[in-house]
Amino acid sequence: MIQLITEGIGYGLFLAILVGPIFMSLVDTSIQFGKRSGLVLASGIWASDFIIVTVLFLFADQRQNHFSETWAKGLAVVATLLFLGIGIGKLIRWKKTEAKDASYNPRKSNLFLKGVAVNTINPFTLIFWTTLMAGQTMIRQAEWHSLVLFFGVLLATVVSTDALKVILADKLGNILHSKHLRVLNLITGFIFIGSGLYIAIKFFYLS
């Protein structure tokens, strides 16, 4: 049991240190609109992860799960367009970024749905969870309680580390000026664009 918990925490921490569009979305939203907005966005990401893991668990068996190439490429198209759209939008609006403006705060429902969308249509998210579920199912055989414990600890670690990112980013936002946020907006925009281009190259030119 200790080994399972340790492995789950390890995978969760691995996900926590990855710097990509999801990470930057959390930091960017928390700094600009505060920790409540950041946590709403994060809750959408968590909901997406939970749904993906639950569906994979329900359909898991002792054979390796295969991620359809057609399905993966379809998601890659959607992810590429979404990431490029978000990135270009941030580059267009970067000069208008202001330090925590209480007069404007995005709707919580929009932030939640954004978290769900950005995480769910990211093909690397689905491939990661699918590959991990397949591997753990083969290793654990019919020990379903072990799978539940492993993924439960992993998801709890993801939730904890994401919440910590939001809290730290919110505190950082209190000491940043508008010019710093503009630079952050630029960086976030370029990361989204870079991620979109990487997905396109990975799935359509290198596959």
C-alpha atoms as a PDB file:
ATOM      1  CA  MET A   1       0.000   0.000   0.000  1.00  0.00           C
ATOM      2  CA  ILE A   2       2.843   2.391   0.854  1.00  0.00           C
ATOM      3  CA  GLN A   3       4.386   1.725  -2.557  1.00  0.00           C
ATOM      4  CA  LEU A   4       1.082   2.465  -4.299  1.00  0.00           C
ATOM      5  CA  ILE A   5       0.687   5.742  -2.433  1.00  0.00           C
ATOM      6  CA  THR A   6       4.289   6.723  -3.175  1.00  0.00           C
ATOM      7  CA  GLU A   7       3.869   5.956  -6.885  1.00  0.00           C
ATOM      8  CA  GLY A   8       0.611   7.903  -7.042  1.00  0.00           C
ATOM      9  CA  ILE A   9       2.204  10.934  -5.399  1.00  0.00           C
ATOM     10  CA  GLY A  10       5.207  10.618  -7.717  1.00  0.00           C
ATOM     11  CA  TYR A  11       3.088  10.697 -10.873  1.00  0.00           C
ATOM     12  CA  GLY A  12       1.074  13.590  -9.445  1.00  0.00           C
ATOM     13  CA  LEU A  13       4.225  15.611  -8.754  1.00  0.00           C
ATOM     14  CA  PHE A  14       5.480  14.809 -12.252  1.00  0.00           C
ATOM     15  CA  LEU A  15       2.324  16.348 -13.708  1.00  0.00           C
ATOM     16  CA  ALA A  16       2.681  19.307 -11.341  1.00  0.00           C
ATOM     17  CA  ILE A  17       6.099  20.354 -12.670  1.00  0.00           C
ATOM     18  CA  LEU A  18       5.123  20.259 -16.342  1.00  0.00           C
ATOM     19  CA  VAL A  19       4.972  23.769 -17.784  1.00  0.00           C
ATOM     20  CA  GLY A  20       2.445  23.960 -20.594  1.00  0.00           C
ATOM     21  CA  PRO A  21      -0.769  25.714 -21.602  1.00  0.00           C
ATOM     22  CA  ILE A  22      -2.738  24.271 -18.681  1.00  0.00           C
ATOM     23  CA  PHE A  23      -0.156  25.411 -16.135  1.00  0.00           C
ATOM     24  CA  MET A  24       0.076  28.870 -17.690  1.00  0.00           C
ATOM     25  CA  SER A  25      -3.719  29.202 -17.781  1.00  0.00           C
ATOM     26  CA  LEU A  26      -3.878  28.567 -14.038  1.00  0.00           C
ATOM     27  CA  VAL A  27      -1.120  31.048 -13.244  1.00  0.00           C
ATOM     28  CA  ASP A  28      -2.371  33.691 -15.681  1.00  0.00           C
ATOM     29  CA  THR A  29      -5.988  33.531 -14.462  1.00  0.00           C
ATOM     30  CA  SER A  30      -5.010  33.530 -10.777  1.00  0.00           C
ATOM     31  CA  ILE A  31      -2.707  36.527 -11.138  1.00  0.00           C
ATOM     32  CA  GLN A  32      -5.136  38.611 -13.197  1.00  0.00           C
ATOM     33  CA  PHE A  33      -8.442  37.759 -11.503  1.00  0.00           C
ATOM     34  CA  GLY A  34      -7.554  36.318  -8.102  1.00  0.00           C
ATOM     35  CA  LYS A  35      -7.483  32.895  -6.499  1.00  0.00           C
ATOM     36  CA  ARG A  36     -11.256  32.334  -6.641  1.00  0.00           C
ATOM     37  CA  SER A  37     -11.229  32.585 -10.424  1.00  0.00           C
ATOM     38  CA  GLY A  38      -8.094  30.444 -10.526  1.00  0.00           C
ATOM     39  CA  LEU A  39      -9.737  27.759  -8.414  1.00  0.00           C
ATOM     40  CA  VAL A  40     -12.840  27.764 -10.635  1.00  0.00           C
ATOM     41  CA  LEU A  41     -10.629  27.224 -13.692  1.00  0.00           C
ATOM     42  CA  ALA A  42      -8.717  24.527 -11.813  1.00  0.00           C
ATOM     43  CA  SER A  43     -11.970  22.805 -10.824  1.00  0.00           C
ATOM     44  CA  GLY A  44     -12.825  22.478 -14.517  1.00  0.00           C
ATOM     45  CA  ILE A  45      -9.450  20.836 -15.122  1.00  0.00           C
ATOM     46  CA  TRP A  46      -9.975  18.498 -12.160  1.00  0.00           C
ATOM     47  CA  ALA A  47     -13.463  17.577 -13.364  1.00  0.00           C
ATOM     48  CA  SER A  48     -12.027  16.737 -16.776  1.00  0.00           C
ATOM     49  CA  ASP A  49      -9.292  14.545 -15.267  1.00  0.00           C
ATOM     50  CA  PHE A  50     -11.782  12.777 -12.999  1.00  0.00           C
ATOM     51  CA  ILE A  51     -14.178  12.051 -15.873  1.00  0.00           C
ATOM     52  CA  ILE A  52     -11.379  10.783 -18.130  1.00  0.00           C
ATOM     53  CA  VAL A  53      -9.946   8.504 -15.433  1.00  0.00           C
ATOM     54  CA  THR A  54     -13.414   7.225 -14.456  1.00  0.00           C
ATOM     55  CA  VAL A  55     -14.355   6.381 -18.053  1.00  0.00           C
ATOM     56  CA  LEU A  56     -11.019   4.658 -18.648  1.00  0.00           C
ATOM     57  CA  PHE A  57     -11.386   2.734 -15.390  1.00  0.00           C
ATOM     58  CA  LEU A  58     -14.880   1.527 -16.287  1.00  0.00           C
ATOM     59  CA  PHE A  59     -13.670   0.245 -19.646  1.00  0.00           C
ATOM     60  CA  ALA A  60     -10.298  -1.032 -18.455  1.00  0.00           C
ATOM     61  CA  ASP A  61      -9.456  -4.716 -18.602  1.00  0.00           C
ATOM     62  CA  GLN A  62      -6.301  -6.815 -18.580  1.00  0.00           C
ATOM     63  CA  ARG A  63      -5.578  -6.018 -22.229  1.00  0.00           C
ATOM     64  CA  GLN A  64      -3.747  -2.857 -23.133  1.00  0.00           C
ATOM     65  CA  ASN A  65      -6.051   0.032 -24.005  1.00  0.00           C
ATOM     66  CA  HIS A  66      -5.409   1.365 -27.501  1.00  0.00           C
ATOM     67  CA  PHE A  67      -5.872   5.017 -28.303  1.00  0.00           C
ATOM     68  CA  SER A  68      -7.401   5.238 -31.785  1.00  0.00           C
ATOM     69  CA  GLU A  69      -5.102   7.043 -34.226  1.00  0.00           C
ATOM     70  CA  THR A  70      -8.083   8.635 -35.978  1.00  0.00           C
ATOM     71  CA  TRP A  71      -9.516   9.803 -32.655  1.00  0.00           C
ATOM     72  CA  ALA A  72      -6.134  11.173 -31.578  1.00  0.00           C
ATOM     73  CA  LYS A  73      -5.702  13.128 -34.811  1.00  0.00           C
ATOM     74  CA  GLY A  74      -9.230  14.500 -34.556  1.00  0.00           C
ATOM     75  CA  LEU A  75      -8.494  15.785 -31.065  1.00  0.00           C
ATOM     76  CA  ALA A  76      -5.170  17.141 -32.310  1.00  0.00           C
ATOM     77  CA  VAL A  77      -6.982  19.286 -34.893  1.00  0.00           C
ATOM     78  CA  VAL A  78      -9.364  20.699 -32.285  1.00  0.00           C
ATOM     79  CA  ALA A  79      -6.569  21.264 -29.758  1.00  0.00           C
ATOM     80  CA  THR A  80      -4.369  22.964 -32.355  1.00  0.00           C
ATOM     81  CA  LEU A  81      -7.137  25.371 -33.382  1.00  0.00           C
ATOM     82  CA  LEU A  82      -8.141  26.113 -29.773  1.00  0.00           C
ATOM     83  CA  PHE A  83      -4.596  26.664 -28.529  1.00  0.00           C
ATOM     84  CA  LEU A  84      -3.699  28.836 -31.517  1.00  0.00           C
ATOM     85  CA  GLY A  85      -6.907  30.831 -31.035  1.00  0.00           C
ATOM     86  CA  ILE A  86      -6.252  31.417 -27.329  1.00  0.00           C
ATOM     87  CA  GLY A  87      -2.604  32.258 -27.968  1.00  0.00           C
ATOM     88  CA  ILE A  88      -3.296  34.718 -30.776  1.00  0.00           C
ATOM     89  CA  GLY A  89      -6.070  36.309 -28.713  1.00  0.00           C
ATOM     90  CA  LYS A  90      -3.668  36.891 -25.831  1.00  0.00           C
ATOM     91  CA  LEU A  91      -1.062  38.416 -28.137  1.00  0.00           C
ATOM     92  CA  ILE A  92      -3.666  40.764 -29.609  1.00  0.00           C
ATOM     93  CA  ARG A  93      -4.875  41.881 -26.161  1.00  0.00           C
ATOM     94  CA  TRP A  94      -1.553  41.889 -24.311  1.00  0.00           C
ATOM     95  CA  LYS A  95      -1.223  45.681 -24.142  1.00  0.00           C
ATOM     96  CA  LYS A  96      -4.648  45.947 -22.504  1.00  0.00           C
ATOM     97  CA  THR A  97      -3.725  43.707 -19.584  1.00  0.00           C
ATOM     98  CA  GLU A  98      -4.108  45.482 -16.244  1.00  0.00           C
ATOM     99  CA  ALA A  99      -3.183  44.477 -12.720  1.00  0.00           C
ATOM    100  CA  LYS A 100      -6.153  42.983 -10.858  1.00  0.00           C
ATOM    101  CA  ASP A 101      -9.011  45.118 -12.040  1.00  0.00           C
ATOM    102  CA  ALA A 102     -11.953  44.559  -9.704  1.00  0.00           C
ATOM    103  CA  SER A 103     -14.289  46.099 -12.274  1.00  0.00           C
ATOM    104  CA  TYR A 104     -13.950  43.054 -14.498  1.00  0.00           C
ATOM    105  CA  ASN A 105     -14.018  39.401 -13.627  1.00  0.00           C
ATOM    106  CA  PRO A 106     -14.850  36.612 -16.071  1.00  0.00           C
ATOM    107  CA  ARG A 107     -17.970  34.566 -15.429  1.00  0.00           C
ATOM    108  CA  LYS A 108     -17.250  31.570 -13.238  1.00  0.00           C
ATOM    109  CA  SER A 109     -19.170  29.245 -15.563  1.00  0.00           C
ATOM    110  CA  ASN A 110     -16.998  30.344 -18.484  1.00  0.00           C
ATOM    111  CA  LEU A 111     -13.832  29.700 -16.499  1.00  0.00           C
ATOM    112  CA  PHE A 112     -15.031  26.253 -15.444  1.00  0.00           C
ATOM    113  CA  LEU A 113     -15.893  25.303 -19.029  1.00  0.00           C
ATOM    114  CA  LYS A 114     -12.564  26.690 -20.228  1.00  0.00           C
ATOM    115  CA  GLY A 115     -10.775  24.434 -17.741  1.00  0.00           C
ATOM    116  CA  VAL A 116     -12.751  21.409 -18.919  1.00  0.00           C
ATOM    117  CA  ALA A 117     -12.177  22.225 -22.598  1.00  0.00           C
ATOM    118  CA  VAL A 118      -8.458  23.029 -22.451  1.00  0.00           C
ATOM    119  CA  ASN A 119      -7.734  19.833 -20.520  1.00  0.00           C
ATOM    120  CA  THR A 120     -10.093  17.446 -22.309  1.00  0.00           C
ATOM    121  CA  ILE A 121      -9.204  18.244 -25.911  1.00  0.00           C
ATOM    122  CA  ASN A 122      -5.477  18.214 -25.216  1.00  0.00           C
ATOM    123  CA  PRO A 123      -4.462  14.911 -26.873  1.00  0.00           C
ATOM    124  CA  PHE A 124      -1.459  14.581 -24.587  1.00  0.00           C
ATOM    125  CA  THR A 125      -3.759  14.584 -21.549  1.00  0.00           C
ATOM    126  CA  LEU A 126      -5.820  11.730 -22.971  1.00  0.00           C
ATOM    127  CA  ILE A 127      -2.765   9.802 -24.131  1.00  0.00           C
ATOM    128  CA  PHE A 128      -1.122  10.184 -20.711  1.00  0.00           C
ATOM    129  CA  TRP A 129      -4.158   8.903 -18.802  1.00  0.00           C
ATOM    130  CA  THR A 130      -4.870   6.139 -21.336  1.00  0.00           C
ATOM    131  CA  THR A 131      -1.280   4.895 -21.314  1.00  0.00           C
ATOM    132  CA  LEU A 132      -1.070   5.061 -17.524  1.00  0.00           C
ATOM    133  CA  MET A 133      -4.391   3.247 -17.082  1.00  0.00           C
ATOM    134  CA  ALA A 134      -3.328   0.536 -19.547  1.00  0.00           C
ATOM    135  CA  GLY A 135       0.020   0.059 -17.841  1.00  0.00           C
ATOM    136  CA  GLN A 136      -1.385   0.010 -14.318  1.00  0.00           C
ATOM    137  CA  THR A 137      -4.190  -2.356 -15.340  1.00  0.00           C
ATOM    138  CA  MET A 138      -1.657  -4.824 -16.723  1.00  0.00           C
ATOM    139  CA  ILE A 139       0.571  -4.502 -13.649  1.00  0.00           C
ATOM    140  CA  ARG A 140      -2.221  -4.747 -11.074  1.00  0.00           C
ATOM    141  CA  GLN A 141      -4.157  -7.433 -12.981  1.00  0.00           C
ATOM    142  CA  ALA A 142      -7.556  -7.782 -11.263  1.00  0.00           C
ATOM    143  CA  GLU A 143      -6.579  -5.784  -8.166  1.00  0.00           C
ATOM    144  CA  TRP A 144      -9.178  -3.079  -8.750  1.00  0.00           C
ATOM    145  CA  HIS A 145      -8.846  -1.742  -5.213  1.00  0.00           C
ATOM    146  CA  SER A 146      -5.160  -1.070  -5.963  1.00  0.00           C
ATOM    147  CA  LEU A 147      -6.086   0.830  -9.115  1.00  0.00           C
ATOM    148  CA  VAL A 148      -8.624   2.926  -7.220  1.00  0.00           C
ATOM    149  CA  LEU A 149      -6.063   3.734  -4.522  1.00  0.00           C
ATOM    150  CA  PHE A 150      -3.323   4.573  -7.040  1.00  0.00           C
ATOM    151  CA  PHE A 151      -5.433   6.901  -9.176  1.00  0.00           C
ATOM    152  CA  GLY A 152      -7.174   8.342  -6.128  1.00  0.00           C
ATOM    153  CA  VAL A 153      -3.834   9.368  -4.620  1.00  0.00           C
ATOM    154  CA  LEU A 154      -2.619  10.646  -7.996  1.00  0.00           C
ATOM    155  CA  LEU A 155      -5.693  12.819  -8.540  1.00  0.00           C
ATOM    156  CA  ALA A 156      -5.563  14.086  -4.950  1.00  0.00           C
ATOM    157  CA  THR A 157      -1.940  15.106  -5.546  1.00  0.00           C
ATOM    158  CA  VAL A 158      -2.903  16.895  -8.759  1.00  0.00           C
ATOM    159  CA  VAL A 159      -5.691  18.785  -6.971  1.00  0.00           C
ATOM    160  CA  SER A 160      -3.384  19.752  -4.092  1.00  0.00           C
ATOM    161  CA  THR A 161      -0.532  20.981  -6.295  1.00  0.00           C
ATOM    162  CA  ASP A 162      -2.869  22.884  -8.621  1.00  0.00           C
ATOM    163  CA  ALA A 163      -4.494  24.591  -5.637  1.00  0.00           C
ATOM    164  CA  LEU A 164      -1.036  25.526  -4.344  1.00  0.00           C
ATOM    165  CA  LYS A 165      -0.134  27.027  -7.732  1.00  0.00           C
ATOM    166  CA  VAL A 166      -3.308  29.120  -7.665  1.00  0.00           C
ATOM    167  CA  ILE A 167      -2.684  30.391  -4.117  1.00  0.00           C
ATOM    168  CA  LEU A 168       0.962  31.266  -4.808  1.00  0.00           C
ATOM    169  CA  ALA A 169       0.093  32.924  -8.127  1.00  0.00           C
ATOM    170  CA  ASP A 170      -2.616  34.999  -6.439  1.00  0.00           C
ATOM    171  CA  LYS A 171      -0.134  36.251  -3.831  1.00  0.00           C
ATOM    172  CA  LEU A 172       2.365  37.005  -6.587  1.00  0.00           C
ATOM    173  CA  GLY A 173      -0.319  38.971  -8.416  1.00  0.00           C
ATOM    174  CA  ASN A 174      -0.615  41.360  -5.479  1.00  0.00           C
ATOM    175  CA  ILE A 175       2.930  42.653  -6.035  1.00  0.00           C
ATOM    176  CA  LEU A 176       2.986  42.689  -9.828  1.00  0.00           C
ATOM    177  CA  HIS A 177       2.333  45.815 -11.882  1.00  0.00           C
ATOM    178  CA  SER A 178       0.460  45.967 -15.184  1.00  0.00           C
ATOM    179  CA  LYS A 179       3.675  45.897 -17.227  1.00  0.00           C
ATOM    180  CA  HIS A 180       4.647  42.603 -15.590  1.00  0.00           C
ATOM    181  CA  LEU A 181       1.238  41.142 -16.394  1.00  0.00           C
ATOM    182  CA  ARG A 182       1.594  42.218 -20.013  1.00  0.00           C
ATOM    183  CA  VAL A 183       4.834  40.267 -20.235  1.00  0.00           C
ATOM    184  CA  LEU A 184       3.136  37.261 -18.601  1.00  0.00           C
ATOM    185  CA  ASN A 185       0.287  37.557 -21.104  1.00  0.00           C
ATOM    186  CA  LEU A 186       2.803  37.544 -23.951  1.00  0.00           C
ATOM    187  CA  ILE A 187       4.572  34.484 -22.547  1.00  0.00           C
ATOM    188  CA  THR A 188       1.251  32.674 -22.052  1.00  0.00           C
ATOM    189  CA  GLY A 189       0.207  33.525 -25.608  1.00  0.00           C
ATOM    190  CA  PHE A 190       3.450  32.193 -27.066  1.00  0.00           C
ATOM    191  CA  ILE A 191       3.200  28.998 -24.995  1.00  0.00           C
ATOM    192  CA  PHE A 192      -0.335  28.369 -26.293  1.00  0.00           C
ATOM    193  CA  ILE A 193       0.765  29.029 -29.881  1.00  0.00           C
ATOM    194  CA  GLY A 194       3.872  26.882 -29.431  1.00  0.00           C
ATOM    195  CA  SER A 195       1.802  24.058 -27.940  1.00  0.00           C
ATOM    196  CA  GLY A 196      -0.677  24.242 -30.815  1.00  0.00           C
ATOM    197  CA  LEU A 197       2.107  24.103 -33.406  1.00  0.00           C
ATOM    198  CA  TYR A 198       3.840  21.268 -31.548  1.00  0.00           C
ATOM    199  CA  ILE A 199       0.634  19.218 -31.501  1.00  0.00           C
ATOM    200  CA  ALA A 200       0.144  19.823 -35.234  1.00  0.00           C
ATOM    201  CA  ILE A 201       3.727  18.818 -36.060  1.00  0.00           C
ATOM    202  CA  LYS A 202       3.655  15.815 -33.718  1.00  0.00           C
ATOM    203  CA  PHE A 203       0.405  14.346 -35.031  1.00  0.00           C
ATOM    204  CA  PHE A 204       0.520  15.287 -38.721  1.00  0.00           C
ATOM    205  CA  TYR A 205       4.162  15.495 -39.756  1.00  0.00           C
ATOM    206  CA  LEU A 206       6.026  13.146 -37.441  1.00  0.00           C
ATOM    207  CA  SER A 207       3.391  10.420 -37.098  1.00  0.00           C
END
